[in-house]
Structure formats: C-alpha cells, structure tokens
Amino acid sequence: MNGIEADVIGLDWRVPIAEGRRRVGDRYAVQGNLDPYVLTAPMDVIKEQAKAIIDEGIGKPGYVFNLGHGLFPEASLEKLKELTGFIHEYSREALAAQGTLKQESGV
C-alpha cells in the first residue's frame, strides 16, 4: 500500500474498522463501513448499527462514516436523509464528549 497515492481508504462492511486501520497503518484515513443491506431495516436498527460504527471509528483521527459498499436500489431516500442527520448529530456529541470537537469557524 505504500505506493498508493491516496489520503483515504474505503473499508468494506465485512472489514472491522480496527482491522482496516491495522492493515493500512496510520498513513491513511479510513472510511466505511456500514453494511448497505442494513438500510432496508427499520430506522432504529439503522441508527443502532451506525452508532456502533461511529463509536469504533471516531476513537482515532482520520475516520469518515460511509457505507461499506454500494447502495441497494431498495434503499429509501428518506432513510438516507434521516441517517445523515443522525450521523452528524451523534458524531458531534461523541467528539464533544471526547473533548476533540473543533469549533466551526463560521466562515
């Protein structure tokens, strides 16, 4: 992986974030890894899964929440919008609890 010119490596939903970080080292940020099939579940299940992934990824700098692969046609646009709002809110709360939340510049 040393020859790859990238800043972020995407993780498949079958690769735990800790394992992905171990594989790529500290040189790259990682993104992922919600199983896209979870988006067909009720919203409380989706949020529970997203929370667990955020909790695992946010412990170190260089993490971006994302799907662990492509989007299924059955995925609801409304669920995706609600999930996005949840991710932003929960991530802010988690970073604030860690004391690592950067203040927005307002620019």
C-alpha atoms as a PDB file:
ATOM      1  CA  MET A   1       0.000   0.000   0.000  1.00  0.00           C
ATOM      2  CA  ASN A   2       2.992   2.301   0.309  1.00  0.00           C
ATOM      3  CA  GLY A   3       2.849   3.206  -3.384  1.00  0.00           C
ATOM      4  CA  ILE A   4      -0.809   4.273  -3.341  1.00  0.00           C
ATOM      5  CA  GLU A   5      -1.355   7.990  -3.769  1.00  0.00           C
ATOM      6  CA  ALA A   6      -4.444   8.392  -1.618  1.00  0.00           C
ATOM      7  CA  ASP A   7      -5.476  10.052   1.589  1.00  0.00           C
ATOM      8  CA  VAL A   8      -8.445   7.836   2.475  1.00  0.00           C
ATOM      9  CA  ILE A   9      -9.030   4.097   2.116  1.00  0.00           C
ATOM     10  CA  GLY A  10     -12.589   2.740   1.941  1.00  0.00           C
ATOM     11  CA  LEU A  11     -13.412  -0.271   4.105  1.00  0.00           C
ATOM     12  CA  ASP A  12     -15.857  -2.933   3.024  1.00  0.00           C
ATOM     13  CA  TRP A  13     -18.633  -3.698   5.501  1.00  0.00           C
ATOM     14  CA  ARG A  14     -17.030  -7.082   6.225  1.00  0.00           C
ATOM     15  CA  VAL A  15     -13.785  -5.482   7.485  1.00  0.00           C
ATOM     16  CA  PRO A  16     -13.954  -4.135  11.047  1.00  0.00           C
ATOM     17  CA  ILE A  17     -12.553  -0.622  11.372  1.00  0.00           C
ATOM     18  CA  ALA A  18      -9.819  -1.720  13.791  1.00  0.00           C
ATOM     19  CA  GLU A  19      -8.695  -4.387  11.337  1.00  0.00           C
ATOM     20  CA  GLY A  20      -8.783  -1.925   8.452  1.00  0.00           C
ATOM     21  CA  ARG A  21      -6.653   0.536  10.404  1.00  0.00           C
ATOM     22  CA  ARG A  22      -4.207  -2.259  11.250  1.00  0.00           C
ATOM     23  CA  ARG A  23      -3.915  -3.159   7.572  1.00  0.00           C
ATOM     24  CA  VAL A  24      -3.376   0.349   6.209  1.00  0.00           C
ATOM     25  CA  GLY A  25      -1.469   1.889   9.107  1.00  0.00           C
ATOM     26  CA  ASP A  26      -1.605   5.492  10.239  1.00  0.00           C
ATOM     27  CA  ARG A  27      -0.744   6.959   6.847  1.00  0.00           C
ATOM     28  CA  TYR A  28      -4.342   6.836   5.600  1.00  0.00           C
ATOM     29  CA  ALA A  29      -7.693   7.891   6.921  1.00  0.00           C
ATOM     30  CA  VAL A  30     -10.351   5.205   6.643  1.00  0.00           C
ATOM     31  CA  GLN A  31     -13.986   5.391   5.657  1.00  0.00           C
ATOM     32  CA  GLY A  32     -16.804   2.900   5.910  1.00  0.00           C
ATOM     33  CA  ASN A  33     -18.225   0.517   6.801  1.00  0.00           C
ATOM     34  CA  LEU A  34     -21.994   0.228   7.242  1.00  0.00           C
ATOM     35  CA  ASP A  35     -23.436  -2.855   5.563  1.00  0.00           C
ATOM     36  CA  PRO A  36     -25.665  -1.352   2.832  1.00  0.00           C
ATOM     37  CA  TYR A  37     -28.272  -4.045   3.463  1.00  0.00           C
ATOM     38  CA  VAL A  38     -28.865  -2.529   6.910  1.00  0.00           C
ATOM     39  CA  LEU A  39     -30.582   0.372   5.116  1.00  0.00           C
ATOM     40  CA  THR A  40     -33.527  -1.953   4.422  1.00  0.00           C
ATOM     41  CA  ALA A  41     -34.102  -2.373   8.193  1.00  0.00           C
ATOM     42  CA  PRO A  42     -36.268  -0.171  10.437  1.00  0.00           C
ATOM     43  CA  MET A  43     -34.707   3.175  11.324  1.00  0.00           C
ATOM     44  CA  ASP A  44     -33.952   2.229  14.939  1.00  0.00           C
ATOM     45  CA  VAL A  45     -31.835  -0.710  13.703  1.00  0.00           C
ATOM     46  CA  ILE A  46     -30.052   1.531  11.195  1.00  0.00           C
ATOM     47  CA  LYS A  47     -29.222   4.069  13.916  1.00  0.00           C
ATOM     48  CA  GLU A  48     -28.031   1.341  16.285  1.00  0.00           C
ATOM     49  CA  GLN A  49     -25.659  -0.022  13.638  1.00  0.00           C
ATOM     50  CA  ALA A  50     -24.450   3.473  12.678  1.00  0.00           C
ATOM     51  CA  LYS A  51     -23.806   4.341  16.328  1.00  0.00           C
ATOM     52  CA  ALA A  52     -21.687   1.207  16.831  1.00  0.00           C
ATOM     53  CA  ILE A  53     -19.631   2.001  13.722  1.00  0.00           C
ATOM     54  CA  ILE A  54     -19.142   5.639  14.713  1.00  0.00           C
ATOM     55  CA  ASP A  55     -18.101   4.589  18.222  1.00  0.00           C
ATOM     56  CA  GLU A  56     -15.492   2.266  16.737  1.00  0.00           C
ATOM     57  CA  GLY A  57     -14.182   4.697  14.128  1.00  0.00           C
ATOM     58  CA  ILE A  58     -14.214   8.007  15.955  1.00  0.00           C
ATOM     59  CA  GLY A  59     -11.725   6.918  18.604  1.00  0.00           C
ATOM     60  CA  LYS A  60      -8.810   7.886  16.342  1.00  0.00           C
ATOM     61  CA  PRO A  61      -8.414  10.818  13.949  1.00  0.00           C
ATOM     62  CA  GLY A  62      -8.969  10.138  10.271  1.00  0.00           C
ATOM     63  CA  TYR A  63     -12.335   8.426  10.142  1.00  0.00           C
ATOM     64  CA  VAL A  64     -15.236   9.117   7.772  1.00  0.00           C
ATOM     65  CA  PHE A  65     -18.563   7.339   8.180  1.00  0.00           C
ATOM     66  CA  ASN A  66     -19.755   5.759   4.948  1.00  0.00           C
ATOM     67  CA  LEU A  67     -21.350   2.682   3.509  1.00  0.00           C
ATOM     68  CA  GLY A  68     -19.109  -0.345   3.266  1.00  0.00           C
ATOM     69  CA  HIS A  69     -20.053  -0.817  -0.382  1.00  0.00           C
ATOM     70  CA  GLY A  70     -22.566   0.428  -2.951  1.00  0.00           C
ATOM     71  CA  LEU A  71     -26.172   1.365  -2.342  1.00  0.00           C
ATOM     72  CA  PHE A  72     -29.014  -1.088  -2.970  1.00  0.00           C
ATOM     73  CA  PRO A  73     -31.907   0.155  -5.141  1.00  0.00           C
ATOM     74  CA  GLU A  74     -34.254  -0.755  -2.256  1.00  0.00           C
ATOM     75  CA  ALA A  75     -32.662   1.862  -0.006  1.00  0.00           C
ATOM     76  CA  SER A  76     -35.086   4.601   0.947  1.00  0.00           C
ATOM     77  CA  LEU A  77     -34.033   8.182   0.226  1.00  0.00           C
ATOM     78  CA  GLU A  78     -35.901   9.279   3.351  1.00  0.00           C
ATOM     79  CA  LYS A  79     -33.967   6.792   5.494  1.00  0.00           C
ATOM     80  CA  LEU A  80     -30.694   8.018   3.982  1.00  0.00           C
ATOM     81  CA  LYS A  81     -31.589  11.618   4.831  1.00  0.00           C
ATOM     82  CA  GLU A  82     -32.521  10.661   8.383  1.00  0.00           C
ATOM     83  CA  LEU A  83     -29.346   8.600   8.741  1.00  0.00           C
ATOM     84  CA  THR A  84     -27.227  11.527   7.549  1.00  0.00           C
ATOM     85  CA  GLY A  85     -28.775  13.818  10.157  1.00  0.00           C
ATOM     86  CA  PHE A  86     -28.247  11.195  12.854  1.00  0.00           C
ATOM     87  CA  ILE A  87     -24.592  10.710  11.873  1.00  0.00           C
ATOM     88  CA  HIS A  88     -23.891  14.449  12.060  1.00  0.00           C
ATOM     89  CA  GLU A  89     -25.634  14.836  15.418  1.00  0.00           C
ATOM     90  CA  TYR A  90     -24.208  11.710  17.038  1.00  0.00           C
ATOM     91  CA  SER A  91     -20.675  12.389  15.779  1.00  0.00           C
ATOM     92  CA  ARG A  92     -20.739  15.930  17.193  1.00  0.00           C
ATOM     93  CA  GLU A  93     -21.893  14.571  20.554  1.00  0.00           C
ATOM     94  CA  ALA A  94     -19.217  11.860  20.558  1.00  0.00           C
ATOM     95  CA  LEU A  95     -16.440  14.317  19.667  1.00  0.00           C
ATOM     96  CA  ALA A  96     -17.650  16.798  22.278  1.00  0.00           C
ATOM     97  CA  ALA A  97     -17.619  14.037  24.902  1.00  0.00           C
ATOM     98  CA  GLN A  98     -14.012  13.259  23.938  1.00  0.00           C
ATOM     99  CA  GLY A  99     -13.118  16.936  24.060  1.00  0.00           C
ATOM    100  CA  THR A 100     -11.902  16.808  20.456  1.00  0.00           C
ATOM    101  CA  LEU A 101     -14.703  18.740  18.734  1.00  0.00           C
ATOM    102  CA  LYS A 102     -13.254  21.575  16.675  1.00  0.00           C
ATOM    103  CA  GLN A 103     -15.242  24.778  16.728  1.00  0.00           C
ATOM    104  CA  GLU A 104     -16.672  25.802  13.361  1.00  0.00           C
ATOM    105  CA  SER A 105     -15.081  28.984  12.056  1.00  0.00           C
ATOM    106  CA  GLY A 106     -18.314  30.467  10.688  1.00  0.00           C
ATOM    107  CA  VAL A 107     -16.504  31.487   7.509  1.00  0.00           C
END
